[in-house]
Amino acid sequence: MTKSMTLRLDDERAATLMLVARIDGVTVTDCVRLAIDAHARARRADPRWRRRAEEHLRWVAQHAAPPQQDEGES
């Protein structure tokens, strides 16, 4: 499945993105995907970031769980 997203860039960043994509011989979309992948790899390689991500995922799991019913409730 894919998601459509809008990306707002100032003129300088837009020009840089288009230049990098053209020189690399990829579409602007693929250039953005590659940048996201590289950023995500860098973040996952950072132990402090990984700890924060794990803490966040634990928090989400705890707060997304349905309420526990007491044994006497039906």
PDB file of N, CA and C in Angstrom:
ATOM      1  N   MET A   1       0.849  -1.168   0.000  1.00  0.00           N
ATOM      2  CA  MET A   1       0.000   0.000   0.000  1.00  0.00           C
ATOM      3  C   MET A   1       0.900   1.238   0.000  1.00  0.00           C
ATOM      4  N   THR A   2       0.471   2.258  -0.659  1.00  0.00           N
ATOM      5  CA  THR A   2       1.208   3.519  -0.669  1.00  0.00           C
ATOM      6  C   THR A   2       0.325   4.625  -0.115  1.00  0.00           C
ATOM      7  N   LYS A   3       0.953   5.688   0.316  1.00  0.00           N
ATOM      8  CA  LYS A   3       0.251   6.870   0.831  1.00  0.00           C
ATOM      9  C   LYS A   3       0.679   8.065  -0.007  1.00  0.00           C
ATOM     10  N   SER A   4      -0.248   8.912  -0.336  1.00  0.00           N
ATOM     11  CA  SER A   4       0.071  10.175  -0.998  1.00  0.00           C
ATOM     12  C   SER A   4       0.258  11.227   0.078  1.00  0.00           C
ATOM     13  N   MET A   5       1.324  11.998  -0.052  1.00  0.00           N
ATOM     14  CA  MET A   5       1.609  13.039   0.929  1.00  0.00           C
ATOM     15  C   MET A   5       2.009  14.307   0.189  1.00  0.00           C
ATOM     16  N   THR A   6       1.800  15.429   0.837  1.00  0.00           N
ATOM     17  CA  THR A   6       2.229  16.716   0.306  1.00  0.00           C
ATOM     18  C   THR A   6       3.439  17.167   1.100  1.00  0.00           C
ATOM     19  N   LEU A   7       4.442  17.652   0.398  1.00  0.00           N
ATOM     20  CA  LEU A   7       5.660  18.123   1.039  1.00  0.00           C
ATOM     21  C   LEU A   7       5.843  19.586   0.673  1.00  0.00           C
ATOM     22  N   ARG A   8       5.858  20.448   1.663  1.00  0.00           N
ATOM     23  CA  ARG A   8       6.051  21.881   1.420  1.00  0.00           C
ATOM     24  C   ARG A   8       7.516  22.218   1.654  1.00  0.00           C
ATOM     25  N   LEU A   9       8.151  22.768   0.631  1.00  0.00           N
ATOM     26  CA  LEU A   9       9.564  23.133   0.704  1.00  0.00           C
ATOM     27  C   LEU A   9       9.737  24.581   0.299  1.00  0.00           C
ATOM     28  N   ASP A  10      10.705  25.243   0.927  1.00  0.00           N
ATOM     29  CA  ASP A  10      11.042  26.583   0.463  1.00  0.00           C
ATOM     30  C   ASP A  10      11.747  26.448  -0.891  1.00  0.00           C
ATOM     31  N   ASP A  11      11.885  27.564  -1.590  1.00  0.00           N
ATOM     32  CA  ASP A  11      12.436  27.538  -2.949  1.00  0.00           C
ATOM     33  C   ASP A  11      13.824  26.907  -3.007  1.00  0.00           C
ATOM     34  N   GLU A  12      14.668  27.224  -2.030  1.00  0.00           N
ATOM     35  CA  GLU A  12      16.040  26.701  -2.053  1.00  0.00           C
ATOM     36  C   GLU A  12      16.070  25.184  -1.884  1.00  0.00           C
ATOM     37  N   ARG A  13      15.285  24.674  -0.955  1.00  0.00           N
ATOM     38  CA  ARG A  13      15.247  23.217  -0.760  1.00  0.00           C
ATOM     39  C   ARG A  13      14.633  22.517  -1.968  1.00  0.00           C
ATOM     40  N   ALA A  14      13.601  23.098  -2.537  1.00  0.00           N
ATOM     41  CA  ALA A  14      12.981  22.500  -3.721  1.00  0.00           C
ATOM     42  C   ALA A  14      13.980  22.440  -4.872  1.00  0.00           C
ATOM     43  N   ALA A  15      14.724  23.522  -5.073  1.00  0.00           N
ATOM     44  CA  ALA A  15      15.725  23.547  -6.143  1.00  0.00           C
ATOM     45  C   ALA A  15      16.823  22.521  -5.876  1.00  0.00           C
ATOM     46  N   THR A  16      17.246  22.411  -4.621  1.00  0.00           N
ATOM     47  CA  THR A  16      18.272  21.429  -4.264  1.00  0.00           C
ATOM     48  C   THR A  16      17.770  20.017  -4.516  1.00  0.00           C
ATOM     49  N   LEU A  17      16.547  19.741  -4.111  1.00  0.00           N
ATOM     50  CA  LEU A  17      15.964  18.421  -4.319  1.00  0.00           C
ATOM     51  C   LEU A  17      15.907  18.081  -5.804  1.00  0.00           C
ATOM     52  N   MET A  18      15.439  19.006  -6.612  1.00  0.00           N
ATOM     53  CA  MET A  18      15.345  18.755  -8.050  1.00  0.00           C
ATOM     54  C   MET A  18      16.722  18.551  -8.672  1.00  0.00           C
ATOM     55  N   LEU A  19      17.708  19.330  -8.235  1.00  0.00           N
ATOM     56  CA  LEU A  19      19.065  19.196  -8.755  1.00  0.00           C
ATOM     57  C   LEU A  19      19.660  17.835  -8.390  1.00  0.00           C
ATOM     58  N   VAL A  20      19.533  17.445  -7.129  1.00  0.00           N
ATOM     59  CA  VAL A  20      20.070  16.152  -6.691  1.00  0.00           C
ATOM     60  C   VAL A  20      19.405  15.016  -7.465  1.00  0.00           C
ATOM     61  N   ALA A  21      18.094  15.066  -7.597  1.00  0.00           N
ATOM     62  CA  ALA A  21      17.376  14.017  -8.325  1.00  0.00           C
ATOM     63  C   ALA A  21      17.845  13.950  -9.777  1.00  0.00           C
ATOM     64  N   ARG A  22      17.972  15.088 -10.418  1.00  0.00           N
ATOM     65  CA  ARG A  22      18.385  15.113 -11.823  1.00  0.00           C
ATOM     66  C   ARG A  22      19.796  14.550 -11.983  1.00  0.00           C
ATOM     67  N   ILE A  23      20.724  14.995 -11.137  1.00  0.00           N
ATOM     68  CA  ILE A  23      22.111  14.536 -11.245  1.00  0.00           C
ATOM     69  C   ILE A  23      22.215  13.048 -10.923  1.00  0.00           C
ATOM     70  N   ASP A  24      21.434  12.577  -9.944  1.00  0.00           N
ATOM     71  CA  ASP A  24      21.459  11.158  -9.582  1.00  0.00           C
ATOM     72  C   ASP A  24      20.673  10.293 -10.559  1.00  0.00           C
ATOM     73  N   GLY A  25      19.917  10.919 -11.448  1.00  0.00           N
ATOM     74  CA  GLY A  25      19.155  10.162 -12.438  1.00  0.00           C
ATOM     75  C   GLY A  25      17.962   9.426 -11.859  1.00  0.00           C
ATOM     76  N   VAL A  26      17.353  10.018 -10.834  1.00  0.00           N
ATOM     77  CA  VAL A  26      16.169   9.423 -10.217  1.00  0.00           C
ATOM     78  C   VAL A  26      15.050  10.456 -10.212  1.00  0.00           C
ATOM     79  N   THR A  27      13.849   9.992  -9.956  1.00  0.00           N
ATOM     80  CA  THR A  27      12.732  10.922  -9.837  1.00  0.00           C
ATOM     81  C   THR A  27      12.840  11.669  -8.513  1.00  0.00           C
ATOM     82  N   VAL A  28      12.147  12.787  -8.433  1.00  0.00           N
ATOM     83  CA  VAL A  28      12.106  13.531  -7.171  1.00  0.00           C
ATOM     84  C   VAL A  28      11.511  12.645  -6.077  1.00  0.00           C
ATOM     85  N   THR A  29      10.482  11.884  -6.410  1.00  0.00           N
ATOM     86  CA  THR A  29       9.866  10.980  -5.439  1.00  0.00           C
ATOM     87  C   THR A  29      10.878   9.968  -4.921  1.00  0.00           C
ATOM     88  N   ASP A  30      11.638   9.358  -5.834  1.00  0.00           N
ATOM     89  CA  ASP A  30      12.641   8.386  -5.399  1.00  0.00           C
ATOM     90  C   ASP A  30      13.745   9.047  -4.588  1.00  0.00           C
ATOM     91  N   CYS A  31      14.102  10.270  -4.924  1.00  0.00           N
ATOM     92  CA  CYS A  31      15.111  11.004  -4.164  1.00  0.00           C
ATOM     93  C   CYS A  31      14.630  11.223  -2.726  1.00  0.00           C
ATOM     94  N   VAL A  32      13.375  11.589  -2.559  1.00  0.00           N
ATOM     95  CA  VAL A  32      12.807  11.772  -1.216  1.00  0.00           C
ATOM     96  C   VAL A  32      12.791  10.438  -0.475  1.00  0.00           C
ATOM     97  N   ARG A  33      12.377   9.368  -1.153  1.00  0.00           N
ATOM     98  CA  ARG A  33      12.357   8.047  -0.512  1.00  0.00           C
ATOM     99  C   ARG A  33      13.748   7.640  -0.043  1.00  0.00           C
ATOM    100  N   LEU A  34      14.751   7.847  -0.893  1.00  0.00           N
ATOM    101  CA  LEU A  34      16.129   7.506  -0.526  1.00  0.00           C
ATOM    102  C   LEU A  34      16.595   8.312   0.681  1.00  0.00           C
ATOM    103  N   ALA A  35      16.228   9.591   0.713  1.00  0.00           N
ATOM    104  CA  ALA A  35      16.616  10.442   1.844  1.00  0.00           C
ATOM    105  C   ALA A  35      15.945   9.974   3.132  1.00  0.00           C
ATOM    106  N   ILE A  36      14.683   9.604   3.046  1.00  0.00           N
ATOM    107  CA  ILE A  36      13.968   9.100   4.222  1.00  0.00           C
ATOM    108  C   ILE A  36      14.616   7.809   4.707  1.00  0.00           C
ATOM    109  N   ASP A  37      14.926   6.907   3.774  1.00  0.00           N
ATOM    110  CA  ASP A  37      15.564   5.645   4.149  1.00  0.00           C
ATOM    111  C   ASP A  37      16.907   5.884   4.831  1.00  0.00           C
ATOM    112  N   ALA A  38      17.713   6.794   4.283  1.00  0.00           N
ATOM    113  CA  ALA A  38      19.026   7.092   4.868  1.00  0.00           C
ATOM    114  C   ALA A  38      18.870   7.703   6.259  1.00  0.00           C
ATOM    115  N   HIS A  39      17.907   8.590   6.410  1.00  0.00           N
ATOM    116  CA  HIS A  39      17.682   9.217   7.715  1.00  0.00           C
ATOM    117  C   HIS A  39      17.229   8.175   8.738  1.00  0.00           C
ATOM    118  N   ALA A  40      16.312   7.306   8.332  1.00  0.00           N
ATOM    119  CA  ALA A  40      15.816   6.272   9.244  1.00  0.00           C
ATOM    120  C   ALA A  40      16.946   5.326   9.651  1.00  0.00           C
ATOM    121  N   ARG A  41      17.810   4.940   8.710  1.00  0.00           N
ATOM    122  CA  ARG A  41      18.954   4.080   9.051  1.00  0.00           C
ATOM    123  C   ARG A  41      19.864   4.761  10.065  1.00  0.00           C
ATOM    124  N   ALA A  42      20.122   6.041   9.853  1.00  0.00           N
ATOM    125  CA  ALA A  42      20.986   6.787  10.776  1.00  0.00           C
ATOM    126  C   ALA A  42      20.361   6.863  12.165  1.00  0.00           C
ATOM    127  N   ARG A  43      19.073   7.087  12.233  1.00  0.00           N
ATOM    128  CA  ARG A  43      18.402   7.176  13.540  1.00  0.00           C
ATOM    129  C   ARG A  43      18.444   5.826  14.249  1.00  0.00           C
ATOM    130  N   ARG A  44      18.165   4.744  13.510  1.00  0.00           N
ATOM    131  CA  ARG A  44      18.181   3.411  14.123  1.00  0.00           C
ATOM    132  C   ARG A  44      19.575   3.025  14.610  1.00  0.00           C
ATOM    133  N   ALA A  45      20.607   3.597  14.030  1.00  0.00           N
ATOM    134  CA  ALA A  45      21.983   3.303  14.448  1.00  0.00           C
ATOM    135  C   ALA A  45      22.374   4.058  15.719  1.00  0.00           C
ATOM    136  N   ASP A  46      21.577   5.019  16.137  1.00  0.00           N
ATOM    137  CA  ASP A  46      21.857   5.834  17.322  1.00  0.00           C
ATOM    138  C   ASP A  46      21.232   5.167  18.550  1.00  0.00           C
ATOM    139  N   PRO A  47      22.060   4.660  19.482  1.00  0.00           N
ATOM    140  CA  PRO A  47      21.512   3.952  20.651  1.00  0.00           C
ATOM    141  C   PRO A  47      20.548   4.797  21.485  1.00  0.00           C
ATOM    142  N   ARG A  48      20.834   6.083  21.648  1.00  0.00           N
ATOM    143  CA  ARG A  48      19.920   6.938  22.436  1.00  0.00           C
ATOM    144  C   ARG A  48      18.567   7.037  21.751  1.00  0.00           C
ATOM    145  N   TRP A  49      18.562   7.201  20.447  1.00  0.00           N
ATOM    146  CA  TRP A  49      17.303   7.299  19.713  1.00  0.00           C
ATOM    147  C   TRP A  49      16.539   5.983  19.813  1.00  0.00           C
ATOM    148  N   ARG A  50      17.255   4.871  19.692  1.00  0.00           N
ATOM    149  CA  ARG A  50      16.599   3.564  19.784  1.00  0.00           C
ATOM    150  C   ARG A  50      15.935   3.376  21.141  1.00  0.00           C
ATOM    151  N   ARG A  51      16.604   3.799  22.214  1.00  0.00           N
ATOM    152  CA  ARG A  51      15.988   3.706  23.547  1.00  0.00           C
ATOM    153  C   ARG A  51      14.714   4.540  23.607  1.00  0.00           C
ATOM    154  N   ARG A  52      14.774   5.749  23.072  1.00  0.00           N
ATOM    155  CA  ARG A  52      13.581   6.607  23.074  1.00  0.00           C
ATOM    156  C   ARG A  52      12.461   5.966  22.264  1.00  0.00           C
ATOM    157  N   ALA A  53      12.789   5.370  21.124  1.00  0.00           N
ATOM    158  CA  ALA A  53      11.781   4.715  20.285  1.00  0.00           C
ATOM    159  C   ALA A  53      11.160   3.533  21.023  1.00  0.00           C
ATOM    160  N   GLU A  54      11.998   2.739  21.690  1.00  0.00           N
ATOM    161  CA  GLU A  54      11.477   1.599  22.453  1.00  0.00           C
ATOM    162  C   GLU A  54      10.560   2.062  23.576  1.00  0.00           C
ATOM    163  N   GLU A  55      10.950   3.127  24.283  1.00  0.00           N
ATOM    164  CA  GLU A  55      10.096   3.675  25.342  1.00  0.00           C
ATOM    165  C   GLU A  55       8.764   4.144  24.769  1.00  0.00           C
ATOM    166  N   HIS A  56       8.815   4.800  23.640  1.00  0.00           N
ATOM    167  CA  HIS A  56       7.585   5.289  23.012  1.00  0.00           C
ATOM    168  C   HIS A  56       6.685   4.121  22.613  1.00  0.00           C
ATOM    169  N   LEU A  57       7.267   3.094  22.003  1.00  0.00           N
ATOM    170  CA  LEU A  57       6.466   1.944  21.581  1.00  0.00           C
ATOM    171  C   LEU A  57       5.849   1.226  22.779  1.00  0.00           C
ATOM    172  N   ARG A  58       6.589   1.134  23.893  1.00  0.00           N
ATOM    173  CA  ARG A  58       6.016   0.539  25.106  1.00  0.00           C
ATOM    174  C   ARG A  58       4.840   1.375  25.607  1.00  0.00           C
ATOM    175  N   TRP A  59       5.001   2.696  25.605  1.00  0.00           N
ATOM    176  CA  TRP A  59       3.932   3.587  26.052  1.00  0.00           C
ATOM    177  C   TRP A  59       2.698   3.407  25.170  1.00  0.00           C
ATOM    178  N   VAL A  60       2.898   3.367  23.859  1.00  0.00           N
ATOM    179  CA  VAL A  60       1.777   3.190  22.931  1.00  0.00           C
ATOM    180  C   VAL A  60       1.081   1.860  23.198  1.00  0.00           C
ATOM    181  N   ALA A  61       1.864   0.800  23.380  1.00  0.00           N
ATOM    182  CA  ALA A  61       1.274  -0.520  23.629  1.00  0.00           C
ATOM    183  C   ALA A  61       0.450  -0.520  24.915  1.00  0.00           C
ATOM    184  N   GLN A  62       0.934   0.155  25.945  1.00  0.00           N
ATOM    185  CA  GLN A  62       0.200   0.202  27.212  1.00  0.00           C
ATOM    186  C   GLN A  62      -1.084   1.003  27.088  1.00  0.00           C
ATOM    187  N   HIS A  63      -1.037   2.093  26.361  1.00  0.00           N
ATOM    188  CA  HIS A  63      -2.198   2.972  26.278  1.00  0.00           C
ATOM    189  C   HIS A  63      -3.174   2.578  25.181  1.00  0.00           C
ATOM    190  N   ALA A  64      -2.753   1.724  24.279  1.00  0.00           N
ATOM    191  CA  ALA A  64      -3.646   1.281  23.212  1.00  0.00           C
ATOM    192  C   ALA A  64      -4.363  -0.011  23.586  1.00  0.00           C
ATOM    193  N   ALA A  65      -3.930  -0.646  24.671  1.00  0.00           N
ATOM    194  CA  ALA A  65      -4.543  -1.908  25.085  1.00  0.00           C
ATOM    195  C   ALA A  65      -5.962  -1.653  25.580  1.00  0.00           C
ATOM    196  N   PRO A  66      -6.881  -2.564  25.271  1.00  0.00           N
ATOM    197  CA  PRO A  66      -8.253  -2.383  25.777  1.00  0.00           C
ATOM    198  C   PRO A  66      -8.264  -2.504  27.297  1.00  0.00           C
ATOM    199  N   PRO A  67      -9.200  -1.833  27.945  1.00  0.00           N
ATOM    200  CA  PRO A  67      -9.273  -1.909  29.411  1.00  0.00           C
ATOM    201  C   PRO A  67      -9.489  -3.350  29.858  1.00  0.00           C
ATOM    202  N   GLN A  68      -8.842  -3.709  30.945  1.00  0.00           N
ATOM    203  CA  GLN A  68      -8.987  -5.054  31.511  1.00  0.00           C
ATOM    204  C   GLN A  68     -10.308  -5.140  32.261  1.00  0.00           C
ATOM    205  N   GLN A  69     -11.013  -6.244  32.085  1.00  0.00           N
ATOM    206  CA  GLN A  69     -12.245  -6.460  32.842  1.00  0.00           C
ATOM    207  C   GLN A  69     -11.916  -7.222  34.111  1.00  0.00           C
ATOM    208  N   ASP A  70     -12.573  -6.835  35.201  1.00  0.00           N
ATOM    209  CA  ASP A  70     -12.442  -7.599  36.437  1.00  0.00           C
ATOM    210  C   ASP A  70     -13.145  -8.931  36.243  1.00  0.00           C
ATOM    211  N   GLU A  71     -12.729  -9.933  37.006  1.00  0.00           N
ATOM    212  CA  GLU A  71     -13.323 -11.261  36.867  1.00  0.00           C
ATOM    213  C   GLU A  71     -14.820 -11.251  37.131  1.00  0.00           C
ATOM    214  N   GLY A  72     -15.286 -10.364  37.994  1.00  0.00           N
ATOM    215  CA  GLY A  72     -16.698 -10.323  38.333  1.00  0.00           C
ATOM    216  C   GLY A  72     -17.546  -9.592  37.301  1.00  0.00           C
ATOM    217  N   GLU A  73     -16.911  -8.886  36.356  1.00  0.00           N
ATOM    218  CA  GLU A  73     -17.671  -8.126  35.361  1.00  0.00           C
ATOM    219  C   GLU A  73     -17.927  -8.974  34.131  1.00  0.00           C
ATOM    220  N   SER A  74     -19.055  -8.723  33.470  1.00  0.00           N
ATOM    221  CA  SER A  74     -19.369  -9.424  32.225  1.00  0.00           C
ATOM    222  C   SER A  74     -19.809  -8.451  31.185  1.00  0.00           C
TER     223      SER A  74
END
